[in-house]
Amino acid sequence: MRKLVTFLLMSLLVISLHTPSLANMEEKLGKHWSAKIIDKDFLAHYFPYLAKEDFHRLNPDEPISEHEFLLSFSSLLKNKGYSITRLGWNSKLTRAQMAMDVGEKLIEIEVIHHGSGDIPFTDIDGLSNEAKEVLASLYHRGIIKGQSTTRYNPYANVTQAEAIVVLQRVDQLLDGVNSK
């Protein structure tokens, strides 16, 4: 049943997608830190709900919902030949929860392993040991970076730009794994 619902949701998103105007996307990103990092085709393909209507909903600093992030993540996983992840709620997603969602799935499909190594973040004391291990794994693979060299800000809401950049990094990691 879950697969059917996911398939229907993904189908509706694909059907409702029209050819977006990339010029409008450039205007939306402007001088944002992610403007030179975000791949326009990746955004249009995996975040079609942001690309609809000439990127009307695209606002790089606006929070992304857990549901939207997991839908995009599931679409990426499916396109790479992996099983999809769980569906989320229509609530805001924290950076800590995003790391857990991505990390647990990448560990499950054996793309990364539980990590331990040191990470430079001084604001993660409130996280569980498991969350810290997952965060370390993602950090050392270059998937997750801090808001500064020592600040991760685990309880901040994930922005649209952060979500897109993280999934682009996952895409590159999966491409590297699949090419071996």
C-alpha atoms as a PDB file:
ATOM      1  CA  MET A   1       0.000   0.000   0.000  1.00  0.00           C
ATOM      2  CA  ARG A   2       2.821   2.380   0.890  1.00  0.00           C
ATOM      3  CA  LYS A   3       4.539   1.713  -2.424  1.00  0.00           C
ATOM      4  CA  LEU A   4       1.313   2.421  -4.273  1.00  0.00           C
ATOM      5  CA  VAL A   5       0.796   5.726  -2.453  1.00  0.00           C
ATOM      6  CA  THR A   6       4.413   6.730  -3.090  1.00  0.00           C
ATOM      7  CA  PHE A   7       4.129   5.769  -6.752  1.00  0.00           C
ATOM      8  CA  LEU A   8       0.918   7.772  -7.140  1.00  0.00           C
ATOM      9  CA  LEU A   9       2.412  10.835  -5.439  1.00  0.00           C
ATOM     10  CA  MET A  10       5.535  10.677  -7.584  1.00  0.00           C
ATOM     11  CA  SER A  11       3.442  10.197 -10.729  1.00  0.00           C
ATOM     12  CA  LEU A  12       1.311  13.227  -9.907  1.00  0.00           C
ATOM     13  CA  LEU A  13       4.411  15.340  -9.385  1.00  0.00           C
ATOM     14  CA  VAL A  14       5.920  14.251 -12.692  1.00  0.00           C
ATOM     15  CA  ILE A  15       2.676  14.781 -14.594  1.00  0.00           C
ATOM     16  CA  SER A  16       2.139  18.222 -13.107  1.00  0.00           C
ATOM     17  CA  LEU A  17       5.681  19.338 -13.946  1.00  0.00           C
ATOM     18  CA  HIS A  18       5.979  21.600 -16.943  1.00  0.00           C
ATOM     19  CA  THR A  19       9.153  22.902 -18.516  1.00  0.00           C
ATOM     20  CA  PRO A  20      10.463  25.437 -16.017  1.00  0.00           C
ATOM     21  CA  SER A  21      12.075  28.729 -16.860  1.00  0.00           C
ATOM     22  CA  LEU A  22      15.651  28.512 -15.626  1.00  0.00           C
ATOM     23  CA  ALA A  23      16.032  32.274 -15.856  1.00  0.00           C
ATOM     24  CA  ASN A  24      13.444  32.694 -13.107  1.00  0.00           C
ATOM     25  CA  MET A  25      15.351  30.207 -10.968  1.00  0.00           C
ATOM     26  CA  GLU A  26      18.505  32.268 -11.385  1.00  0.00           C
ATOM     27  CA  GLU A  27      16.596  35.307 -10.153  1.00  0.00           C
ATOM     28  CA  LYS A  28      15.289  33.392  -7.131  1.00  0.00           C
ATOM     29  CA  LEU A  29      18.752  32.183  -6.121  1.00  0.00           C
ATOM     30  CA  GLY A  30      20.377  35.545  -6.834  1.00  0.00           C
ATOM     31  CA  LYS A  31      23.486  35.939  -4.679  1.00  0.00           C
ATOM     32  CA  HIS A  32      22.531  33.145  -2.283  1.00  0.00           C
ATOM     33  CA  TRP A  33      25.468  30.987  -1.089  1.00  0.00           C
ATOM     34  CA  SER A  34      23.989  27.995  -2.951  1.00  0.00           C
ATOM     35  CA  ALA A  35      23.517  29.726  -6.327  1.00  0.00           C
ATOM     36  CA  LYS A  36      26.732  28.336  -7.824  1.00  0.00           C
ATOM     37  CA  ILE A  37      26.299  24.908  -6.189  1.00  0.00           C
ATOM     38  CA  ILE A  38      22.722  23.979  -7.080  1.00  0.00           C
ATOM     39  CA  ASP A  39      22.463  22.032 -10.316  1.00  0.00           C
ATOM     40  CA  LYS A  40      19.473  23.375 -12.211  1.00  0.00           C
ATOM     41  CA  ASP A  41      18.541  20.070 -13.875  1.00  0.00           C
ATOM     42  CA  PHE A  42      18.858  18.215 -10.565  1.00  0.00           C
ATOM     43  CA  LEU A  43      16.556  20.742  -8.904  1.00  0.00           C
ATOM     44  CA  ALA A  44      13.936  20.498 -11.651  1.00  0.00           C
ATOM     45  CA  HIS A  45      14.052  16.680 -11.655  1.00  0.00           C
ATOM     46  CA  TYR A  46      14.106  15.853  -7.937  1.00  0.00           C
ATOM     47  CA  PHE A  47      12.331  18.915  -6.540  1.00  0.00           C
ATOM     48  CA  PRO A  48       9.567  19.425  -9.140  1.00  0.00           C
ATOM     49  CA  TYR A  49       7.233  20.972  -6.572  1.00  0.00           C
ATOM     50  CA  LEU A  50       9.745  23.842  -6.262  1.00  0.00           C
ATOM     51  CA  ALA A  51      10.206  24.097 -10.037  1.00  0.00           C
ATOM     52  CA  LYS A  52       6.499  24.323 -10.913  1.00  0.00           C
ATOM     53  CA  GLU A  53       5.094  27.602 -12.193  1.00  0.00           C
ATOM     54  CA  ASP A  54       8.481  29.113 -13.023  1.00  0.00           C
ATOM     55  CA  PHE A  55       9.933  28.259  -9.618  1.00  0.00           C
ATOM     56  CA  HIS A  56       7.182  30.139  -7.794  1.00  0.00           C
ATOM     57  CA  ARG A  57       7.766  28.173  -4.544  1.00  0.00           C
ATOM     58  CA  LEU A  58      11.558  28.276  -4.701  1.00  0.00           C
ATOM     59  CA  ASN A  59      12.956  30.296  -1.828  1.00  0.00           C
ATOM     60  CA  PRO A  60      16.401  28.993  -0.828  1.00  0.00           C
ATOM     61  CA  ASP A  61      16.119  30.169   2.795  1.00  0.00           C
ATOM     62  CA  GLU A  62      12.596  28.856   3.376  1.00  0.00           C
ATOM     63  CA  PRO A  63      12.282  25.615   5.390  1.00  0.00           C
ATOM     64  CA  ILE A  64      11.452  22.422   3.524  1.00  0.00           C
ATOM     65  CA  SER A  65       8.925  19.961   4.920  1.00  0.00           C
ATOM     66  CA  GLU A  66       9.891  16.460   5.957  1.00  0.00           C
ATOM     67  CA  HIS A  67       7.381  15.076   3.456  1.00  0.00           C
ATOM     68  CA  GLU A  68       8.863  17.005   0.515  1.00  0.00           C
ATOM     69  CA  PHE A  69      12.446  16.135   1.441  1.00  0.00           C
ATOM     70  CA  LEU A  70      11.690  12.421   1.817  1.00  0.00           C
ATOM     71  CA  LEU A  71       9.742  12.414  -1.452  1.00  0.00           C
ATOM     72  CA  SER A  72      12.764  13.889  -3.260  1.00  0.00           C
ATOM     73  CA  PHE A  73      15.157  11.514  -1.459  1.00  0.00           C
ATOM     74  CA  SER A  74      12.962   8.514  -2.366  1.00  0.00           C
ATOM     75  CA  SER A  75      12.844   9.608  -5.997  1.00  0.00           C
ATOM     76  CA  LEU A  76      16.646   9.852  -6.085  1.00  0.00           C
ATOM     77  CA  LEU A  77      17.040   6.425  -4.454  1.00  0.00           C
ATOM     78  CA  LYS A  78      14.537   4.841  -6.846  1.00  0.00           C
ATOM     79  CA  ASN A  79      16.323   6.299  -9.884  1.00  0.00           C
ATOM     80  CA  LYS A  80      19.609   4.854  -8.594  1.00  0.00           C
ATOM     81  CA  GLY A  81      18.064   1.390  -8.163  1.00  0.00           C
ATOM     82  CA  TYR A  82      17.571   1.398  -4.384  1.00  0.00           C
ATOM     83  CA  SER A  83      14.428   0.934  -2.334  1.00  0.00           C
ATOM     84  CA  ILE A  84      12.640   4.068  -1.303  1.00  0.00           C
ATOM     85  CA  THR A  85      12.645   5.516   2.184  1.00  0.00           C
ATOM     86  CA  ARG A  86       9.685   6.106   4.483  1.00  0.00           C
ATOM     87  CA  LEU A  87       7.159   8.849   3.898  1.00  0.00           C
ATOM     88  CA  GLY A  88       7.207  11.829   6.230  1.00  0.00           C
ATOM     89  CA  TRP A  89       4.813  14.318   7.686  1.00  0.00           C
ATOM     90  CA  ASN A  90       4.110  17.770   6.401  1.00  0.00           C
ATOM     91  CA  SER A  91       6.125  19.335   9.210  1.00  0.00           C
ATOM     92  CA  LYS A  92       9.382  21.233   9.125  1.00  0.00           C
ATOM     93  CA  LEU A  93      12.519  19.095   9.080  1.00  0.00           C
ATOM     94  CA  THR A  94      15.487  19.736  11.366  1.00  0.00           C
ATOM     95  CA  ARG A  95      19.089  19.324  10.294  1.00  0.00           C
ATOM     96  CA  ALA A  96      19.505  16.503  12.852  1.00  0.00           C
ATOM     97  CA  GLN A  97      16.471  14.617  11.496  1.00  0.00           C
ATOM     98  CA  MET A  98      17.636  15.074   7.897  1.00  0.00           C
ATOM     99  CA  ALA A  99      21.030  13.623   8.832  1.00  0.00           C
ATOM    100  CA  MET A 100      19.351  10.641  10.508  1.00  0.00           C
ATOM    101  CA  ASP A 101      17.001  10.018   7.555  1.00  0.00           C
ATOM    102  CA  VAL A 102      19.797  10.168   4.982  1.00  0.00           C
ATOM    103  CA  GLY A 103      22.411   8.434   7.120  1.00  0.00           C
ATOM    104  CA  GLU A 104      20.233   5.522   8.229  1.00  0.00           C
ATOM    105  CA  LYS A 105      19.173   4.818   4.644  1.00  0.00           C
ATOM    106  CA  LEU A 106      22.744   5.006   3.296  1.00  0.00           C
ATOM    107  CA  ILE A 107      23.876   2.676   6.097  1.00  0.00           C
ATOM    108  CA  GLU A 108      20.965   0.301   5.365  1.00  0.00           C
ATOM    109  CA  ILE A 109      21.929   0.047   1.681  1.00  0.00           C
ATOM    110  CA  GLU A 110      25.599  -0.282   2.696  1.00  0.00           C
ATOM    111  CA  VAL A 111      26.828   2.845   0.949  1.00  0.00           C
ATOM    112  CA  ILE A 112      28.298   4.201   4.190  1.00  0.00           C
ATOM    113  CA  HIS A 113      29.027   2.593   7.565  1.00  0.00           C
ATOM    114  CA  HIS A 114      28.489   3.780  11.131  1.00  0.00           C
ATOM    115  CA  GLY A 115      31.250   6.249  11.800  1.00  0.00           C
ATOM    116  CA  SER A 116      32.999   7.346  14.879  1.00  0.00           C
ATOM    117  CA  GLY A 117      35.827   9.739  14.030  1.00  0.00           C
ATOM    118  CA  ASP A 118      36.023  13.240  15.346  1.00  0.00           C
ATOM    119  CA  ILE A 119      33.752  15.923  14.013  1.00  0.00           C
ATOM    120  CA  PRO A 120      34.399  19.597  14.706  1.00  0.00           C
ATOM    121  CA  PHE A 121      30.898  20.572  15.821  1.00  0.00           C
ATOM    122  CA  THR A 122      30.622  21.939  19.349  1.00  0.00           C
ATOM    123  CA  ASP A 123      26.816  22.204  19.426  1.00  0.00           C
ATOM    124  CA  ILE A 124      25.804  18.529  19.166  1.00  0.00           C
ATOM    125  CA  ASP A 125      25.935  17.510  22.838  1.00  0.00           C
ATOM    126  CA  GLY A 126      22.142  17.076  22.917  1.00  0.00           C
ATOM    127  CA  LEU A 127      22.193  14.447  20.155  1.00  0.00           C
ATOM    128  CA  SER A 128      22.104  10.727  20.927  1.00  0.00           C
ATOM    129  CA  ASN A 129      25.256   8.676  20.410  1.00  0.00           C
ATOM    130  CA  GLU A 130      23.631   7.023  17.387  1.00  0.00           C
ATOM    131  CA  ALA A 131      22.823  10.418  15.866  1.00  0.00           C
ATOM    132  CA  LYS A 132      26.416  11.544  16.444  1.00  0.00           C
ATOM    133  CA  GLU A 133      27.750   8.387  14.749  1.00  0.00           C
ATOM    134  CA  VAL A 134      25.464   8.870  11.750  1.00  0.00           C
ATOM    135  CA  LEU A 135      26.440  12.539  11.569  1.00  0.00           C
ATOM    136  CA  ALA A 136      30.137  11.579  11.698  1.00  0.00           C
ATOM    137  CA  SER A 137      29.629   9.104   8.836  1.00  0.00           C
ATOM    138  CA  LEU A 138      27.932  11.729   6.690  1.00  0.00           C
ATOM    139  CA  TYR A 139      30.444  14.423   7.609  1.00  0.00           C
ATOM    140  CA  HIS A 140      33.453  12.275   6.705  1.00  0.00           C
ATOM    141  CA  ARG A 141      31.851  11.342   3.348  1.00  0.00           C
ATOM    142  CA  GLY A 142      31.260  15.030   2.572  1.00  0.00           C
ATOM    143  CA  ILE A 143      27.457  14.766   2.613  1.00  0.00           C
ATOM    144  CA  ILE A 144      26.844  16.985   5.645  1.00  0.00           C
ATOM    145  CA  LYS A 145      28.731  20.149   6.437  1.00  0.00           C
ATOM    146  CA  GLY A 146      28.279  22.632   9.239  1.00  0.00           C
ATOM    147  CA  GLN A 147      26.913  26.127   9.109  1.00  0.00           C
ATOM    148  CA  SER A 148      30.441  27.076  10.137  1.00  0.00           C
ATOM    149  CA  THR A 149      33.573  25.073  10.912  1.00  0.00           C
ATOM    150  CA  THR A 150      32.412  24.378  14.487  1.00  0.00           C
ATOM    151  CA  ARG A 151      28.634  24.874  14.332  1.00  0.00           C
ATOM    152  CA  TYR A 152      26.234  22.269  12.955  1.00  0.00           C
ATOM    153  CA  ASN A 153      22.997  23.771  14.373  1.00  0.00           C
ATOM    154  CA  PRO A 154      21.163  20.422  14.625  1.00  0.00           C
ATOM    155  CA  TYR A 155      17.775  21.833  15.600  1.00  0.00           C
ATOM    156  CA  ALA A 156      17.544  24.469  12.873  1.00  0.00           C
ATOM    157  CA  ASN A 157      15.036  23.832  10.113  1.00  0.00           C
ATOM    158  CA  VAL A 158      16.524  22.538   6.872  1.00  0.00           C
ATOM    159  CA  THR A 159      16.210  25.138   4.129  1.00  0.00           C
ATOM    160  CA  GLN A 160      15.299  24.342   0.543  1.00  0.00           C
ATOM    161  CA  ALA A 161      18.858  25.148  -0.525  1.00  0.00           C
ATOM    162  CA  GLU A 162      20.399  22.862   2.115  1.00  0.00           C
ATOM    163  CA  ALA A 163      18.083  20.005   1.116  1.00  0.00           C
ATOM    164  CA  ILE A 164      18.957  20.348  -2.570  1.00  0.00           C
ATOM    165  CA  VAL A 165      22.708  20.532  -1.901  1.00  0.00           C
ATOM    166  CA  VAL A 166      22.655  17.508   0.447  1.00  0.00           C
ATOM    167  CA  LEU A 167      20.764  15.376  -2.074  1.00  0.00           C
ATOM    168  CA  GLN A 168      23.152  16.460  -4.855  1.00  0.00           C
ATOM    169  CA  ARG A 169      26.014  15.171  -2.681  1.00  0.00           C
ATOM    170  CA  VAL A 170      24.131  11.908  -2.100  1.00  0.00           C
ATOM    171  CA  ASP A 171      23.597  11.647  -5.864  1.00  0.00           C
ATOM    172  CA  GLN A 172      27.346  12.019  -6.483  1.00  0.00           C
ATOM    173  CA  LEU A 173      28.129   9.456  -3.768  1.00  0.00           C
ATOM    174  CA  LEU A 174      25.678   6.936  -5.250  1.00  0.00           C
ATOM    175  CA  ASP A 175      27.074   7.527  -8.744  1.00  0.00           C
ATOM    176  CA  GLY A 176      30.554   6.761  -7.396  1.00  0.00           C
ATOM    177  CA  VAL A 177      29.348   3.587  -5.676  1.00  0.00           C
ATOM    178  CA  ASN A 178      27.363   2.383  -8.697  1.00  0.00           C
ATOM    179  CA  SER A 179      30.273   2.942 -11.089  1.00  0.00           C
ATOM    180  CA  LYS A 180      32.494   0.509  -9.172  1.00  0.00           C
END
